[in-house]
Amino acid sequence: PVNIANALRICARYANLDIAEDFYGINLLPLATFAMEAYKDDPCK
C-alpha cells in the first residue's frame, strides 16, 4: 500500500494520473470521490 500511495502521489504531482488510470487501468474513482468529500472546502494550494 505505501508504494501504491507514493506512486500515485508522484503521478498527481506531475499531472500524470492517466498513467495509472488510462494506461494501467487503475480505478481512481474511489480516491477522487474520497478526496472531493474530505477536502471539498480546501484549495489544497
All heavy atoms as atom14 arrays in JSON, in Angstrom:
{
  "sequence": "PVNIANALRICARYANLDIAEDFYGINLLPLATFAMEAYKDDPCK",
  "atom14_mask": [
    [1, 1, 1, 1, 1, 1, 1, 0, 0, 0, 0, 0, 0, 0],
    [1, 1, 1, 1, 1, 1, 1, 0, 0, 0, 0, 0, 0, 0],
    [1, 1, 1, 1, 1, 1, 1, 1, 0, 0, 0, 0, 0, 0],
    [1, 1, 1, 1, 1, 1, 1, 1, 0, 0, 0, 0, 0, 0],
    [1, 1, 1, 1, 1, 0, 0, 0, 0, 0, 0, 0, 0, 0],
    [1, 1, 1, 1, 1, 1, 1, 1, 0, 0, 0, 0, 0, 0],
    [1, 1, 1, 1, 1, 0, 0, 0, 0, 0, 0, 0, 0, 0],
    [1, 1, 1, 1, 1, 1, 1, 1, 0, 0, 0, 0, 0, 0],
    [1, 1, 1, 1, 1, 1, 1, 1, 1, 1, 1, 0, 0, 0],
    [1, 1, 1, 1, 1, 1, 1, 1, 0, 0, 0, 0, 0, 0],
    [1, 1, 1, 1, 1, 1, 0, 0, 0, 0, 0, 0, 0, 0],
    [1, 1, 1, 1, 1, 0, 0, 0, 0, 0, 0, 0, 0, 0],
    [1, 1, 1, 1, 1, 1, 1, 1, 1, 1, 1, 0, 0, 0],
    [1, 1, 1, 1, 1, 1, 1, 1, 1, 1, 1, 1, 0, 0],
    [1, 1, 1, 1, 1, 0, 0, 0, 0, 0, 0, 0, 0, 0],
    [1, 1, 1, 1, 1, 1, 1, 1, 0, 0, 0, 0, 0, 0],
    [1, 1, 1, 1, 1, 1, 1, 1, 0, 0, 0, 0, 0, 0],
    [1, 1, 1, 1, 1, 1, 1, 1, 0, 0, 0, 0, 0, 0],
    [1, 1, 1, 1, 1, 1, 1, 1, 0, 0, 0, 0, 0, 0],
    [1, 1, 1, 1, 1, 0, 0, 0, 0, 0, 0, 0, 0, 0],
    [1, 1, 1, 1, 1, 1, 1, 1, 1, 0, 0, 0, 0, 0],
    [1, 1, 1, 1, 1, 1, 1, 1, 0, 0, 0, 0, 0, 0],
    [1, 1, 1, 1, 1, 1, 1, 1, 1, 1, 1, 0, 0, 0],
    [1, 1, 1, 1, 1, 1, 1, 1, 1, 1, 1, 1, 0, 0],
    [1, 1, 1, 1, 0, 0, 0, 0, 0, 0, 0, 0, 0, 0],
    [1, 1, 1, 1, 1, 1, 1, 1, 0, 0, 0, 0, 0, 0],
    [1, 1, 1, 1, 1, 1, 1, 1, 0, 0, 0, 0, 0, 0],
    [1, 1, 1, 1, 1, 1, 1, 1, 0, 0, 0, 0, 0, 0],
    [1, 1, 1, 1, 1, 1, 1, 1, 0, 0, 0, 0, 0, 0],
    [1, 1, 1, 1, 1, 1, 1, 0, 0, 0, 0, 0, 0, 0],
    [1, 1, 1, 1, 1, 1, 1, 1, 0, 0, 0, 0, 0, 0],
    [1, 1, 1, 1, 1, 0, 0, 0, 0, 0, 0, 0, 0, 0],
    [1, 1, 1, 1, 1, 1, 1, 0, 0, 0, 0, 0, 0, 0],
    [1, 1, 1, 1, 1, 1, 1, 1, 1, 1, 1, 0, 0, 0],
    [1, 1, 1, 1, 1, 0, 0, 0, 0, 0, 0, 0, 0, 0],
    [1, 1, 1, 1, 1, 1, 1, 1, 0, 0, 0, 0, 0, 0],
    [1, 1, 1, 1, 1, 1, 1, 1, 1, 0, 0, 0, 0, 0],
    [1, 1, 1, 1, 1, 0, 0, 0, 0, 0, 0, 0, 0, 0],
    [1, 1, 1, 1, 1, 1, 1, 1, 1, 1, 1, 1, 0, 0],
    [1, 1, 1, 1, 1, 1, 1, 1, 1, 0, 0, 0, 0, 0],
    [1, 1, 1, 1, 1, 1, 1, 1, 0, 0, 0, 0, 0, 0],
    [1, 1, 1, 1, 1, 1, 1, 1, 0, 0, 0, 0, 0, 0],
    [1, 1, 1, 1, 1, 1, 1, 0, 0, 0, 0, 0, 0, 0],
    [1, 1, 1, 1, 1, 1, 0, 0, 0, 0, 0, 0, 0, 0],
    [1, 1, 1, 1, 1, 1, 1, 1, 1, 0, 0, 0, 0, 0]
  ],
  "atom14_positions": [
    [[0.8, -1.24, 0.0], [0.0, 0.0, 0.0], [0.83, 1.28, 0.0], [0.48, 2.25, -0.68], [-0.83, -0.12, 1.29], [-0.91, -1.58, 1.56], [0.4, -2.14, 1.1], [0.0, 0.0, 0.0], [0.0, 0.0, 0.0], [0.0, 0.0, 0.0], [0.0, 0.0, 0.0], [0.0, 0.0, 0.0], [0.0, 0.0, 0.0], [0.0, 0.0, 0.0]],
    [[1.93, 1.31, 0.75], [2.72, 2.54, 0.84], [3.41, 2.85, -0.49], [3.57, 4.02, -0.87], [3.73, 2.48, 2.02], [4.84, 1.48, 1.76], [4.31, 3.86, 2.31], [0.0, 0.0, 0.0], [0.0, 0.0, 0.0], [0.0, 0.0, 0.0], [0.0, 0.0, 0.0], [0.0, 0.0, 0.0], [0.0, 0.0, 0.0], [0.0, 0.0, 0.0]],
    [[3.8, 1.83, -1.24], [4.36, 2.06, -2.58], [3.29, 2.58, -3.52], [3.55, 3.46, -4.35], [4.95, 0.76, -3.14], [6.31, 0.43, -2.56], [6.47, 0.41, -1.36], [7.28, 0.17, -3.41], [0.0, 0.0, 0.0], [0.0, 0.0, 0.0], [0.0, 0.0, 0.0], [0.0, 0.0, 0.0], [0.0, 0.0, 0.0], [0.0, 0.0, 0.0]],
    [[2.09, 2.04, -3.4], [0.97, 2.5, -4.24], [0.7, 3.98, -3.98], [0.55, 4.77, -4.92], [-0.29, 1.65, -3.97], [-0.09, 0.22, -4.52], [-1.53, 2.3, -4.56], [-1.18, -0.76, -4.11], [0.0, 0.0, 0.0], [0.0, 0.0, 0.0], [0.0, 0.0, 0.0], [0.0, 0.0, 0.0], [0.0, 0.0, 0.0], [0.0, 0.0, 0.0]],
    [[0.65, 4.36, -2.7], [0.39, 5.75, -2.35], [1.49, 6.66, -2.9], [1.2, 7.73, -3.45], [0.29, 5.89, -0.83], [0.0, 0.0, 0.0], [0.0, 0.0, 0.0], [0.0, 0.0, 0.0], [0.0, 0.0, 0.0], [0.0, 0.0, 0.0], [0.0, 0.0, 0.0], [0.0, 0.0, 0.0], [0.0, 0.0, 0.0], [0.0, 0.0, 0.0]],
    [[2.75, 6.25, -2.77], [3.87, 7.04, -3.29], [3.78, 7.2, -4.81], [3.99, 8.28, -5.35], [5.2, 6.37, -2.93], [5.78, 6.86, -1.62], [6.42, 7.9, -1.56], [5.55, 6.1, -0.56], [0.0, 0.0, 0.0], [0.0, 0.0, 0.0], [0.0, 0.0, 0.0], [0.0, 0.0, 0.0], [0.0, 0.0, 0.0], [0.0, 0.0, 0.0]],
    [[3.5, 6.09, -5.5], [3.43, 6.11, -6.96], [2.32, 7.06, -7.44], [2.53, 7.86, -8.37], [3.21, 4.7, -7.51], [0.0, 0.0, 0.0], [0.0, 0.0, 0.0], [0.0, 0.0, 0.0], [0.0, 0.0, 0.0], [0.0, 0.0, 0.0], [0.0, 0.0, 0.0], [0.0, 0.0, 0.0], [0.0, 0.0, 0.0], [0.0, 0.0, 0.0]],
    [[1.16, 6.98, -6.8], [0.04, 7.84, -7.2], [0.3, 9.29, -6.82], [-0.11, 10.22, -7.54], [-1.26, 7.34, -6.57], [-1.79, 6.02, -7.13], [-3.07, 5.61, -6.41], [-2.04, 6.11, -8.64], [0.0, 0.0, 0.0], [0.0, 0.0, 0.0], [0.0, 0.0, 0.0], [0.0, 0.0, 0.0], [0.0, 0.0, 0.0], [0.0, 0.0, 0.0]],
    [[0.98, 9.52, -5.71], [1.32, 10.89, -5.31], [2.19, 11.55, -6.39], [1.97, 12.7, -6.78], [2.06, 10.9, -3.97], [2.52, 12.3, -3.55], [3.34, 12.26, -2.27], [4.55, 11.48, -2.41], [5.66, 11.9, -3.01], [5.71, 13.11, -3.54], [6.72, 11.12, -3.08], [0.0, 0.0, 0.0], [0.0, 0.0, 0.0], [0.0, 0.0, 0.0]],
    [[3.19, 10.81, -6.89], [4.07, 11.36, -7.92], [3.3, 11.59, -9.22], [3.49, 12.6, -9.9], [5.28, 10.43, -8.14], [6.16, 10.4, -6.89], [6.11, 10.88, -9.34], [7.23, 9.33, -6.89], [0.0, 0.0, 0.0], [0.0, 0.0, 0.0], [0.0, 0.0, 0.0], [0.0, 0.0, 0.0], [0.0, 0.0, 0.0], [0.0, 0.0, 0.0]],
    [[2.41, 10.66, -9.56], [1.57, 10.86, -10.75], [0.74, 12.13, -10.62], [0.62, 12.93, -11.56], [0.65, 9.66, -10.95], [1.45, 8.19, -11.61], [0.0, 0.0, 0.0], [0.0, 0.0, 0.0], [0.0, 0.0, 0.0], [0.0, 0.0, 0.0], [0.0, 0.0, 0.0], [0.0, 0.0, 0.0], [0.0, 0.0, 0.0], [0.0, 0.0, 0.0]],
    [[0.16, 12.34, -9.43], [-0.65, 13.53, -9.2], [0.21, 14.79, -9.23], [-0.18, 15.82, -9.8], [-1.37, 13.42, -7.86], [0.0, 0.0, 0.0], [0.0, 0.0, 0.0], [0.0, 0.0, 0.0], [0.0, 0.0, 0.0], [0.0, 0.0, 0.0], [0.0, 0.0, 0.0], [0.0, 0.0, 0.0], [0.0, 0.0, 0.0], [0.0, 0.0, 0.0]],
    [[1.39, 14.72, -8.67], [2.3, 15.87, -8.61], [2.63, 16.4, -10.0], [2.76, 17.6, -10.21], [3.58, 15.47, -7.87], [4.58, 16.6, -7.67], [5.76, 16.12, -6.82], [6.78, 17.13, -6.65], [6.75, 18.15, -5.8], [5.68, 18.29, -5.03], [7.73, 19.01, -5.7], [0.0, 0.0, 0.0], [0.0, 0.0, 0.0], [0.0, 0.0, 0.0]],
    [[2.77, 15.47, -10.96], [3.13, 15.87, -12.33], [1.95, 15.78, -13.3], [2.14, 15.73, -14.51], [4.3, 15.02, -12.82], [5.57, 15.3, -12.06], [5.94, 14.51, -10.97], [6.37, 16.39, -12.39], [7.1, 14.78, -10.24], [7.53, 16.67, -11.67], [7.88, 15.87, -10.59], [9.01, 16.15, -9.86], [0.0, 0.0, 0.0], [0.0, 0.0, 0.0]],
    [[0.73, 15.75, -12.74], [-0.5, 15.68, -13.55], [-0.46, 14.52, -14.53], [-0.89, 14.64, -15.68], [-0.72, 17.01, -14.27], [0.0, 0.0, 0.0], [0.0, 0.0, 0.0], [0.0, 0.0, 0.0], [0.0, 0.0, 0.0], [0.0, 0.0, 0.0], [0.0, 0.0, 0.0], [0.0, 0.0, 0.0], [0.0, 0.0, 0.0], [0.0, 0.0, 0.0]],
    [[0.04, 13.39, -14.06], [0.16, 12.2, -14.91], [-0.69, 11.04, -14.39], [-0.31, 9.87, -14.55], [1.63, 11.75, -14.98], [2.44, 12.57, -15.95], [1.9, 13.14, -16.9], [3.73, 12.67, -15.72], [0.0, 0.0, 0.0], [0.0, 0.0, 0.0], [0.0, 0.0, 0.0], [0.0, 0.0, 0.0], [0.0, 0.0, 0.0], [0.0, 0.0, 0.0]],
    [[-1.81, 11.33, -13.78], [-2.65, 10.26, -13.24], [-3.19, 9.34, -14.33], [-3.59, 8.21, -14.05], [-3.81, 10.85, -12.43], [-3.43, 11.41, -11.05], [-4.56, 12.23, -10.46], [-3.04, 10.28, -10.09], [0.0, 0.0, 0.0], [0.0, 0.0, 0.0], [0.0, 0.0, 0.0], [0.0, 0.0, 0.0], [0.0, 0.0, 0.0], [0.0, 0.0, 0.0]],
    [[-3.16, 9.83, -15.59], [-3.64, 8.97, -16.67], [-2.71, 7.77, -16.88], [-3.13, 6.76, -17.46], [-3.8, 9.74, -17.98], [-2.57, 10.52, -18.38], [-1.62, 10.6, -17.58], [-2.56, 11.07, -19.5], [0.0, 0.0, 0.0], [0.0, 0.0, 0.0], [0.0, 0.0, 0.0], [0.0, 0.0, 0.0], [0.0, 0.0, 0.0], [0.0, 0.0, 0.0]],
    [[-1.45, 7.85, -16.41], [-0.56, 6.67, -16.48], [-1.21, 5.51, -15.74], [-1.28, 4.39, -16.24], [0.82, 6.98, -15.85], [1.59, 7.97, -16.71], [1.64, 5.69, -15.68], [2.86, 8.48, -16.06], [0.0, 0.0, 0.0], [0.0, 0.0, 0.0], [0.0, 0.0, 0.0], [0.0, 0.0, 0.0], [0.0, 0.0, 0.0], [0.0, 0.0, 0.0]],
    [[-1.69, 5.82, -14.52], [-2.32, 4.78, -13.72], [-3.7, 4.43, -14.26], [-4.03, 3.25, -14.45], [-2.41, 5.23, -12.26], [0.0, 0.0, 0.0], [0.0, 0.0, 0.0], [0.0, 0.0, 0.0], [0.0, 0.0, 0.0], [0.0, 0.0, 0.0], [0.0, 0.0, 0.0], [0.0, 0.0, 0.0], [0.0, 0.0, 0.0], [0.0, 0.0, 0.0]],
    [[-4.51, 5.45, -14.54], [-5.92, 5.2, -14.85], [-6.14, 4.7, -16.28], [-6.78, 3.67, -16.5], [-6.72, 6.49, -14.63], [-8.22, 6.3, -14.66], [-8.95, 7.5, -14.09], [-8.44, 8.63, -14.22], [-10.03, 7.3, -13.53], [0.0, 0.0, 0.0], [0.0, 0.0, 0.0], [0.0, 0.0, 0.0], [0.0, 0.0, 0.0], [0.0, 0.0, 0.0]],
    [[-5.59, 5.42, -17.26], [-5.86, 5.08, -18.66], [-4.97, 3.96, -19.19], [-5.42, 3.11, -19.96], [-5.7, 6.32, -19.55], [-6.69, 7.42, -19.21], [-7.7, 7.09, -18.55], [-6.46, 8.58, -19.57], [0.0, 0.0, 0.0], [0.0, 0.0, 0.0], [0.0, 0.0, 0.0], [0.0, 0.0, 0.0], [0.0, 0.0, 0.0], [0.0, 0.0, 0.0]],
    [[-3.69, 3.98, -18.81], [-2.74, 3.05, -19.42], [-2.57, 1.76, -18.62], [-2.26, 0.72, -19.2], [-1.39, 3.75, -19.62], [-1.51, 5.07, -20.34], [-0.83, 6.19, -19.9], [-2.34, 5.2, -21.45], [-0.96, 7.42, -20.55], [-2.48, 6.41, -22.1], [-1.79, 7.53, -21.65], [0.0, 0.0, 0.0], [0.0, 0.0, 0.0], [0.0, 0.0, 0.0]],
    [[-2.76, 1.83, -17.31], [-2.67, 0.61, -16.5], [-4.03, 0.16, -15.95], [-4.12, -0.85, -15.27], [-1.68, 0.8, -15.35], [-0.23, 0.65, -15.78], [0.73, 1.59, -15.43], [0.17, -0.44, -16.55], [2.05, 1.45, -15.83], [1.49, -0.59, -16.95], [2.42, 0.35, -16.58], [3.73, 0.2, -16.99], [0.0, 0.0, 0.0], [0.0, 0.0, 0.0]],
    [[-5.07, 0.93, -16.24], [-6.42, 0.5, -15.86], [-6.68, 0.51, -14.36], [-7.51, -0.25, -13.86], [0.0, 0.0, 0.0], [0.0, 0.0, 0.0], [0.0, 0.0, 0.0], [0.0, 0.0, 0.0], [0.0, 0.0, 0.0], [0.0, 0.0, 0.0], [0.0, 0.0, 0.0], [0.0, 0.0, 0.0], [0.0, 0.0, 0.0], [0.0, 0.0, 0.0]],
    [[-5.98, 1.39, -13.63], [-6.2, 1.5, -12.18], [-7.44, 2.36, -11.94], [-7.55, 3.47, -12.47], [-4.97, 2.15, -11.48], [-3.68, 1.4, -11.83], [-5.19, 2.22, -9.98], [-3.61, -0.02, -11.4], [0.0, 0.0, 0.0], [0.0, 0.0, 0.0], [0.0, 0.0, 0.0], [0.0, 0.0, 0.0], [0.0, 0.0, 0.0], [0.0, 0.0, 0.0]],
    [[-8.36, 1.88, -11.13], [-9.59, 2.61, -10.84], [-9.31, 3.68, -9.78], [-9.13, 3.38, -8.61], [-10.66, 1.63, -10.35], [-11.98, 2.34, -10.07], [-12.17, 3.51, -10.44], [-12.9, 1.65, -9.41], [0.0, 0.0, 0.0], [0.0, 0.0, 0.0], [0.0, 0.0, 0.0], [0.0, 0.0, 0.0], [0.0, 0.0, 0.0], [0.0, 0.0, 0.0]],
    [[-9.29, 4.95, -10.22], [-9.01, 6.05, -9.29], [-10.28, 6.74, -8.8], [-10.19, 7.73, -8.05], [-8.1, 7.08, -9.99], [-6.7, 6.6, -10.39], [-5.91, 7.74, -11.0], [-5.96, 6.03, -9.19], [0.0, 0.0, 0.0], [0.0, 0.0, 0.0], [0.0, 0.0, 0.0], [0.0, 0.0, 0.0], [0.0, 0.0, 0.0], [0.0, 0.0, 0.0]],
    [[-11.44, 6.23, -9.2], [-12.69, 6.85, -8.77], [-12.85, 6.87, -7.25], [-13.25, 7.89, -6.69], [-13.87, 6.15, -9.44], [-15.26, 6.76, -9.16], [-15.31, 8.21, -9.64], [-16.35, 5.94, -9.84], [0.0, 0.0, 0.0], [0.0, 0.0, 0.0], [0.0, 0.0, 0.0], [0.0, 0.0, 0.0], [0.0, 0.0, 0.0], [0.0, 0.0, 0.0]],
    [[-12.53, 5.77, -6.54], [-12.65, 5.81, -5.07], [-11.78, 6.9, -4.45], [-12.22, 7.57, -3.51], [-12.18, 4.41, -4.64], [-12.42, 3.54, -5.83], [-12.16, 4.41, -7.01], [0.0, 0.0, 0.0], [0.0, 0.0, 0.0], [0.0, 0.0, 0.0], [0.0, 0.0, 0.0], [0.0, 0.0, 0.0], [0.0, 0.0, 0.0], [0.0, 0.0, 0.0]],
    [[-10.57, 7.09, -4.97], [-9.69, 8.14, -4.44], [-10.25, 9.52, -4.75], [-10.26, 10.41, -3.89], [-8.28, 7.99, -5.02], [-7.27, 9.1, -4.66], [-7.05, 9.15, -3.14], [-5.95, 8.89, -5.39], [0.0, 0.0, 0.0], [0.0, 0.0, 0.0], [0.0, 0.0, 0.0], [0.0, 0.0, 0.0], [0.0, 0.0, 0.0], [0.0, 0.0, 0.0]],
    [[-10.73, 9.71, -5.98], [-11.27, 11.01, -6.38], [-12.51, 11.36, -5.55], [-12.65, 12.5, -5.06], [-11.61, 10.99, -7.87], [0.0, 0.0, 0.0], [0.0, 0.0, 0.0], [0.0, 0.0, 0.0], [0.0, 0.0, 0.0], [0.0, 0.0, 0.0], [0.0, 0.0, 0.0], [0.0, 0.0, 0.0], [0.0, 0.0, 0.0], [0.0, 0.0, 0.0]],
    [[-13.39, 10.4, -5.38], [-14.62, 10.62, -4.6], [-14.28, 10.97, -3.16], [-14.84, 11.91, -2.57], [-15.5, 9.35, -4.64], [-15.77, 9.0, -5.99], [-16.81, 9.58, -3.9], [0.0, 0.0, 0.0], [0.0, 0.0, 0.0], [0.0, 0.0, 0.0], [0.0, 0.0, 0.0], [0.0, 0.0, 0.0], [0.0, 0.0, 0.0], [0.0, 0.0, 0.0]],
    [[-13.35, 10.21, -2.57], [-12.93, 10.47, -1.2], [-12.29, 11.86, -1.08], [-12.58, 12.62, -0.15], [-11.93, 9.4, -0.74], [-11.18, 9.76, 0.51], [-11.8, 9.7, 1.75], [-9.86, 10.19, 0.45], [-11.11, 10.06, 2.91], [-9.16, 10.54, 1.58], [-9.79, 10.48, 2.82], [0.0, 0.0, 0.0], [0.0, 0.0, 0.0], [0.0, 0.0, 0.0]],
    [[-11.41, 12.21, -2.01], [-10.7, 13.49, -1.96], [-11.67, 14.67, -2.05], [-11.53, 15.67, -1.33], [-9.67, 13.56, -3.07], [0.0, 0.0, 0.0], [0.0, 0.0, 0.0], [0.0, 0.0, 0.0], [0.0, 0.0, 0.0], [0.0, 0.0, 0.0], [0.0, 0.0, 0.0], [0.0, 0.0, 0.0], [0.0, 0.0, 0.0], [0.0, 0.0, 0.0]],
    [[-12.66, 14.57, -2.94], [-13.64, 15.66, -3.09], [-14.47, 15.84, -1.83], [-14.86, 16.96, -1.49], [-14.55, 15.38, -4.29], [-13.86, 15.61, -5.64], [-14.99, 15.56, -7.04], [-15.45, 13.83, -7.07], [0.0, 0.0, 0.0], [0.0, 0.0, 0.0], [0.0, 0.0, 0.0], [0.0, 0.0, 0.0], [0.0, 0.0, 0.0], [0.0, 0.0, 0.0]],
    [[-14.73, 14.74, -1.14], [-15.52, 14.82, 0.09], [-14.68, 15.31, 1.26], [-15.06, 16.24, 1.98], [-16.11, 13.44, 0.41], [-16.91, 13.38, 1.71], [-18.12, 14.31, 1.7], [-18.69, 14.55, 0.62], [-18.48, 14.82, 2.78], [0.0, 0.0, 0.0], [0.0, 0.0, 0.0], [0.0, 0.0, 0.0], [0.0, 0.0, 0.0], [0.0, 0.0, 0.0]],
    [[-13.49, 14.73, 1.43], [-12.65, 15.06, 2.59], [-12.05, 16.46, 2.49], [-11.84, 17.12, 3.51], [-11.54, 14.03, 2.74], [0.0, 0.0, 0.0], [0.0, 0.0, 0.0], [0.0, 0.0, 0.0], [0.0, 0.0, 0.0], [0.0, 0.0, 0.0], [0.0, 0.0, 0.0], [0.0, 0.0, 0.0], [0.0, 0.0, 0.0], [0.0, 0.0, 0.0]],
    [[-11.77, 16.92, 1.27], [-11.08, 18.21, 1.09], [-11.91, 19.17, 0.23], [-11.36, 20.01, -0.48], [-9.7, 17.97, 0.45], [-8.81, 17.1, 1.3], [-8.73, 15.73, 1.09], [-8.07, 17.65, 2.35], [-7.93, 14.91, 1.89], [-7.26, 16.85, 3.16], [-7.2, 15.47, 2.92], [-6.42, 14.67, 3.72], [0.0, 0.0, 0.0], [0.0, 0.0, 0.0]],
    [[-13.23, 19.06, 0.34], [-14.11, 19.83, -0.55], [-13.94, 21.35, -0.4], [-14.05, 22.09, -1.38], [-15.57, 19.43, -0.32], [-16.07, 19.59, 1.11], [-17.48, 19.03, 1.26], [-17.91, 19.04, 2.73], [-19.23, 18.41, 2.88], [0.0, 0.0, 0.0], [0.0, 0.0, 0.0], [0.0, 0.0, 0.0], [0.0, 0.0, 0.0], [0.0, 0.0, 0.0]],
    [[-13.68, 21.82, 0.82], [-13.52, 23.26, 1.03], [-12.06, 23.68, 1.12], [-11.74, 24.81, 1.48], [-14.25, 23.68, 2.33], [-15.74, 23.39, 2.25], [-16.3, 23.6, 1.16], [-16.32, 22.95, 3.26], [0.0, 0.0, 0.0], [0.0, 0.0, 0.0], [0.0, 0.0, 0.0], [0.0, 0.0, 0.0], [0.0, 0.0, 0.0], [0.0, 0.0, 0.0]],
    [[-11.16, 22.76, 0.8], [-9.72, 23.01, 0.91], [-9.15, 23.27, -0.49], [-9.26, 22.42, -1.38], [-9.04, 21.78, 1.53], [-7.57, 22.0, 1.85], [-6.96, 22.93, 1.28], [-7.01, 21.23, 2.65], [0.0, 0.0, 0.0], [0.0, 0.0, 0.0], [0.0, 0.0, 0.0], [0.0, 0.0, 0.0], [0.0, 0.0, 0.0], [0.0, 0.0, 0.0]],
    [[-8.56, 24.43, -0.74], [-7.98, 24.69, -2.08], [-6.75, 23.83, -2.38], [-6.34, 23.73, -3.53], [-7.61, 26.18, -2.01], [-7.42, 26.47, -0.56], [-8.39, 25.58, 0.17], [0.0, 0.0, 0.0], [0.0, 0.0, 0.0], [0.0, 0.0, 0.0], [0.0, 0.0, 0.0], [0.0, 0.0, 0.0], [0.0, 0.0, 0.0], [0.0, 0.0, 0.0]],
    [[-6.17, 23.23, -1.33], [-5.0, 22.34, -1.49], [-3.92, 23.02, -2.33], [-3.34, 22.42, -3.25], [-5.41, 21.01, -2.12], [-6.65, 20.1, -1.18], [0.0, 0.0, 0.0], [0.0, 0.0, 0.0], [0.0, 0.0, 0.0], [0.0, 0.0, 0.0], [0.0, 0.0, 0.0], [0.0, 0.0, 0.0], [0.0, 0.0, 0.0], [0.0, 0.0, 0.0]],
    [[-3.67, 24.29, -2.0], [-2.74, 25.12, -2.78], [-1.36, 24.49, -2.92], [-0.75, 24.52, -3.99], [-2.63, 26.5, -2.11], [-1.72, 27.47, -2.83], [-1.61, 28.77, -2.06], [-0.55, 29.67, -2.67], [-0.33, 30.89, -1.84], [0.0, 0.0, 0.0], [0.0, 0.0, 0.0], [0.0, 0.0, 0.0], [0.0, 0.0, 0.0], [0.0, 0.0, 0.0]]
  ]
}
